[in-house]
Amino acid sequence: MARKSTVETQASPVANFERSLDELENLVEKMEHGELSLEESLAAYERGVGLYRRCQQALEQAELRVRLLSDPQDPASAEPFQPDA
């Protein structure tokens, strides 16, 4: 039986971002509804800060990948995407 490489078994940064964002939204909802004790709220806040940082890192990695794909010779030349109005 062939073993999958570590890269194949790890979730993509996008998948990690989506899971982290979902969990962060759930934590915020619980905190907003007052369903948690003070101690639970503090633990949820700490968890939320970690999830927020993970999301920020995933977004930064995605932005870098887009820049590199846009112009590998000059990634700084990438311009923000402007959707059609």
N, C-alpha and C. Protein backbone atom coordinates (compact mmCIF):
# COMPACT_ATOMS: atom_id res chain seq x y z
N MET A 1 0.83 -1.17 0.00
CA MET A 1 0.00 0.00 0.00
C MET A 1 0.88 1.23 0.00
N ALA A 2 0.65 2.15 -0.95
CA ALA A 2 1.46 3.34 -1.07
C ALA A 2 1.05 4.37 -0.03
N ARG A 3 2.05 5.07 0.51
CA ARG A 3 1.78 6.11 1.49
C ARG A 3 1.70 7.45 0.79
N LYS A 4 0.79 8.27 1.21
CA LYS A 4 0.70 9.62 0.66
C LYS A 4 1.81 10.47 1.27
N SER A 5 2.32 11.38 0.46
CA SER A 5 3.35 12.28 0.98
C SER A 5 2.71 13.25 1.96
N THR A 6 3.53 13.91 2.76
CA THR A 6 3.05 14.87 3.74
C THR A 6 2.30 15.99 3.05
N VAL A 7 2.77 16.42 1.90
CA VAL A 7 2.12 17.51 1.17
C VAL A 7 0.71 17.11 0.76
N GLU A 8 0.52 15.88 0.31
CA GLU A 8 -0.79 15.42 -0.13
C GLU A 8 -1.78 15.30 1.02
N THR A 9 -1.29 14.99 2.22
CA THR A 9 -2.19 14.78 3.34
C THR A 9 -2.54 16.08 4.06
N GLN A 10 -1.78 17.15 3.84
CA GLN A 10 -2.08 18.42 4.47
C GLN A 10 -3.12 19.17 3.66
N ALA A 11 -4.01 19.87 4.34
CA ALA A 11 -5.02 20.67 3.66
C ALA A 11 -4.36 21.89 3.04
N SER A 12 -4.96 22.36 1.96
CA SER A 12 -4.43 23.55 1.30
C SER A 12 -4.64 24.77 2.19
N PRO A 13 -3.85 25.83 1.98
CA PRO A 13 -4.05 27.05 2.77
C PRO A 13 -5.47 27.60 2.63
N VAL A 14 -6.08 27.44 1.45
CA VAL A 14 -7.45 27.91 1.26
C VAL A 14 -8.41 27.11 2.13
N ALA A 15 -8.26 25.80 2.16
CA ALA A 15 -9.12 24.96 3.00
C ALA A 15 -8.92 25.31 4.48
N ASN A 16 -7.68 25.50 4.89
CA ASN A 16 -7.41 25.89 6.27
C ASN A 16 -8.05 27.24 6.58
N PHE A 17 -7.97 28.17 5.63
CA PHE A 17 -8.57 29.49 5.81
C PHE A 17 -10.07 29.37 6.02
N GLU A 18 -10.71 28.59 5.16
CA GLU A 18 -12.17 28.45 5.26
C GLU A 18 -12.59 27.81 6.57
N ARG A 19 -11.87 26.77 7.00
CA ARG A 19 -12.20 26.13 8.28
C ARG A 19 -11.97 27.09 9.45
N SER A 20 -10.85 27.81 9.41
CA SER A 20 -10.54 28.76 10.47
C SER A 20 -11.58 29.87 10.53
N LEU A 21 -11.98 30.37 9.37
CA LEU A 21 -12.98 31.44 9.32
C LEU A 21 -14.32 30.94 9.85
N ASP A 22 -14.71 29.74 9.47
CA ASP A 22 -15.97 29.16 9.98
C ASP A 22 -15.93 29.03 11.50
N GLU A 23 -14.83 28.53 12.02
CA GLU A 23 -14.71 28.36 13.47
C GLU A 23 -14.72 29.72 14.17
N LEU A 24 -14.04 30.71 13.58
CA LEU A 24 -14.02 32.05 14.15
C LEU A 24 -15.42 32.64 14.17
N GLU A 25 -16.17 32.48 13.11
CA GLU A 25 -17.55 32.97 13.06
C GLU A 25 -18.42 32.31 14.12
N ASN A 26 -18.23 31.01 14.33
CA ASN A 26 -19.00 30.30 15.36
C ASN A 26 -18.66 30.81 16.75
N LEU A 27 -17.37 31.05 17.00
CA LEU A 27 -16.96 31.58 18.30
C LEU A 27 -17.58 32.95 18.55
N VAL A 28 -17.52 33.81 17.55
CA VAL A 28 -18.08 35.16 17.69
C VAL A 28 -19.57 35.09 17.97
N GLU A 29 -20.27 34.22 17.26
CA GLU A 29 -21.72 34.08 17.46
C GLU A 29 -22.03 33.65 18.89
N LYS A 30 -21.28 32.67 19.41
CA LYS A 30 -21.51 32.22 20.79
C LYS A 30 -21.25 33.34 21.78
N MET A 31 -20.17 34.09 21.53
CA MET A 31 -19.83 35.19 22.45
C MET A 31 -20.88 36.29 22.39
N GLU A 32 -21.39 36.59 21.20
CA GLU A 32 -22.40 37.63 21.05
C GLU A 32 -23.72 37.27 21.74
N HIS A 33 -24.04 35.99 21.78
CA HIS A 33 -25.29 35.56 22.39
C HIS A 33 -25.16 35.35 23.90
N GLY A 34 -23.98 35.54 24.43
CA GLY A 34 -23.79 35.41 25.87
C GLY A 34 -23.93 33.98 26.37
N GLU A 35 -23.61 33.02 25.53
CA GLU A 35 -23.75 31.61 25.89
C GLU A 35 -22.57 31.09 26.71
N LEU A 36 -21.55 31.90 26.90
CA LEU A 36 -20.33 31.42 27.55
C LEU A 36 -20.10 32.13 28.87
N SER A 37 -19.48 31.41 29.79
CA SER A 37 -19.07 32.02 31.05
C SER A 37 -17.88 32.95 30.76
N LEU A 38 -17.48 33.70 31.76
CA LEU A 38 -16.35 34.60 31.59
C LEU A 38 -15.09 33.82 31.20
N GLU A 39 -14.85 32.72 31.89
CA GLU A 39 -13.66 31.90 31.60
C GLU A 39 -13.74 31.31 30.19
N GLU A 40 -14.92 30.84 29.81
CA GLU A 40 -15.09 30.29 28.46
C GLU A 40 -14.94 31.39 27.41
N SER A 41 -15.43 32.59 27.72
CA SER A 41 -15.30 33.71 26.79
C SER A 41 -13.83 34.08 26.59
N LEU A 42 -13.07 34.07 27.66
CA LEU A 42 -11.64 34.38 27.56
C LEU A 42 -10.92 33.34 26.71
N ALA A 43 -11.23 32.06 26.94
CA ALA A 43 -10.63 30.98 26.15
C ALA A 43 -11.05 31.11 24.68
N ALA A 44 -12.32 31.46 24.44
CA ALA A 44 -12.81 31.63 23.07
C ALA A 44 -12.10 32.81 22.40
N TYR A 45 -11.90 33.89 23.15
CA TYR A 45 -11.21 35.06 22.61
C TYR A 45 -9.77 34.70 22.22
N GLU A 46 -9.09 33.97 23.09
CA GLU A 46 -7.71 33.55 22.79
C GLU A 46 -7.69 32.67 21.55
N ARG A 47 -8.63 31.75 21.46
CA ARG A 47 -8.73 30.88 20.27
C ARG A 47 -9.02 31.72 19.03
N GLY A 48 -9.89 32.70 19.17
CA GLY A 48 -10.24 33.57 18.06
C GLY A 48 -9.06 34.37 17.55
N VAL A 49 -8.22 34.86 18.45
CA VAL A 49 -7.03 35.60 18.03
C VAL A 49 -6.11 34.70 17.21
N GLY A 50 -5.94 33.46 17.65
CA GLY A 50 -5.12 32.52 16.89
C GLY A 50 -5.71 32.22 15.52
N LEU A 51 -7.03 32.05 15.46
CA LEU A 51 -7.69 31.80 14.18
C LEU A 51 -7.57 33.01 13.26
N TYR A 52 -7.72 34.20 13.82
CA TYR A 52 -7.59 35.43 13.03
C TYR A 52 -6.19 35.52 12.42
N ARG A 53 -5.19 35.24 13.22
CA ARG A 53 -3.80 35.30 12.72
C ARG A 53 -3.57 34.26 11.62
N ARG A 54 -4.15 33.07 11.79
CA ARG A 54 -4.02 32.02 10.77
C ARG A 54 -4.68 32.47 9.46
N CYS A 55 -5.85 33.11 9.57
CA CYS A 55 -6.53 33.61 8.37
C CYS A 55 -5.71 34.69 7.69
N GLN A 56 -5.14 35.60 8.48
CA GLN A 56 -4.31 36.66 7.91
C GLN A 56 -3.11 36.07 7.15
N GLN A 57 -2.47 35.08 7.72
CA GLN A 57 -1.32 34.45 7.07
C GLN A 57 -1.74 33.78 5.76
N ALA A 58 -2.87 33.11 5.76
CA ALA A 58 -3.36 32.45 4.55
C ALA A 58 -3.65 33.49 3.46
N LEU A 59 -4.25 34.61 3.84
CA LEU A 59 -4.53 35.66 2.87
C LEU A 59 -3.24 36.27 2.32
N GLU A 60 -2.26 36.46 3.17
CA GLU A 60 -0.97 36.99 2.72
C GLU A 60 -0.29 36.02 1.75
N GLN A 61 -0.36 34.72 2.04
CA GLN A 61 0.22 33.73 1.14
C GLN A 61 -0.51 33.72 -0.20
N ALA A 62 -1.84 33.84 -0.16
CA ALA A 62 -2.61 33.86 -1.40
C ALA A 62 -2.27 35.09 -2.22
N GLU A 63 -2.13 36.22 -1.57
CA GLU A 63 -1.77 37.45 -2.28
C GLU A 63 -0.40 37.31 -2.94
N LEU A 64 0.55 36.74 -2.23
CA LEU A 64 1.88 36.54 -2.78
C LEU A 64 1.82 35.62 -4.00
N ARG A 65 1.05 34.54 -3.89
CA ARG A 65 0.92 33.61 -5.03
C ARG A 65 0.32 34.30 -6.24
N VAL A 66 -0.68 35.14 -6.03
CA VAL A 66 -1.30 35.87 -7.13
C VAL A 66 -0.28 36.81 -7.76
N ARG A 67 0.48 37.50 -6.94
CA ARG A 67 1.51 38.42 -7.47
C ARG A 67 2.55 37.67 -8.29
N LEU A 68 2.98 36.54 -7.77
CA LEU A 68 3.98 35.76 -8.48
C LEU A 68 3.44 35.22 -9.80
N LEU A 69 2.16 34.82 -9.80
CA LEU A 69 1.55 34.32 -11.02
C LEU A 69 1.30 35.44 -12.02
N SER A 70 1.00 36.64 -11.53
CA SER A 70 0.72 37.77 -12.41
C SER A 70 1.96 38.17 -13.19
N ASP A 71 3.08 38.29 -12.50
CA ASP A 71 4.33 38.67 -13.15
C ASP A 71 5.49 38.15 -12.31
N PRO A 72 5.99 36.96 -12.63
CA PRO A 72 7.07 36.37 -11.83
C PRO A 72 8.33 37.23 -11.79
N GLN A 73 8.53 38.05 -12.81
CA GLN A 73 9.72 38.91 -12.84
C GLN A 73 9.56 40.14 -11.96
N ASP A 74 8.33 40.61 -11.79
CA ASP A 74 8.08 41.82 -11.01
C ASP A 74 6.77 41.68 -10.24
N PRO A 75 6.77 40.89 -9.16
CA PRO A 75 5.53 40.67 -8.43
C PRO A 75 4.96 41.93 -7.82
N ALA A 76 5.78 42.95 -7.58
CA ALA A 76 5.29 44.19 -7.00
C ALA A 76 4.43 44.99 -7.98
N SER A 77 4.46 44.64 -9.26
CA SER A 77 3.69 45.37 -10.26
C SER A 77 2.22 44.94 -10.30
N ALA A 78 1.87 43.92 -9.56
CA ALA A 78 0.47 43.46 -9.56
C ALA A 78 -0.44 44.54 -9.03
N GLU A 79 -1.60 44.69 -9.66
CA GLU A 79 -2.57 45.69 -9.25
C GLU A 79 -3.77 45.01 -8.62
N PRO A 80 -4.46 45.70 -7.73
CA PRO A 80 -5.65 45.10 -7.12
C PRO A 80 -6.69 44.77 -8.17
N PHE A 81 -7.41 43.71 -7.95
CA PHE A 81 -8.47 43.27 -8.86
C PHE A 81 -9.63 44.25 -8.77
N GLN A 82 -10.12 44.70 -9.91
CA GLN A 82 -11.26 45.61 -9.97
C GLN A 82 -12.43 44.88 -10.65
N PRO A 83 -13.41 44.41 -9.87
CA PRO A 83 -14.54 43.71 -10.49
C PRO A 83 -15.34 44.65 -11.39
N ASP A 84 -15.99 44.07 -12.39
CA ASP A 84 -16.84 44.86 -13.27
C ASP A 84 -18.02 45.40 -12.47
N ALA A 85 -18.31 46.66 -12.72
CA ALA A 85 -19.42 47.30 -11.97
C ALA A 85 -20.76 47.00 -12.62
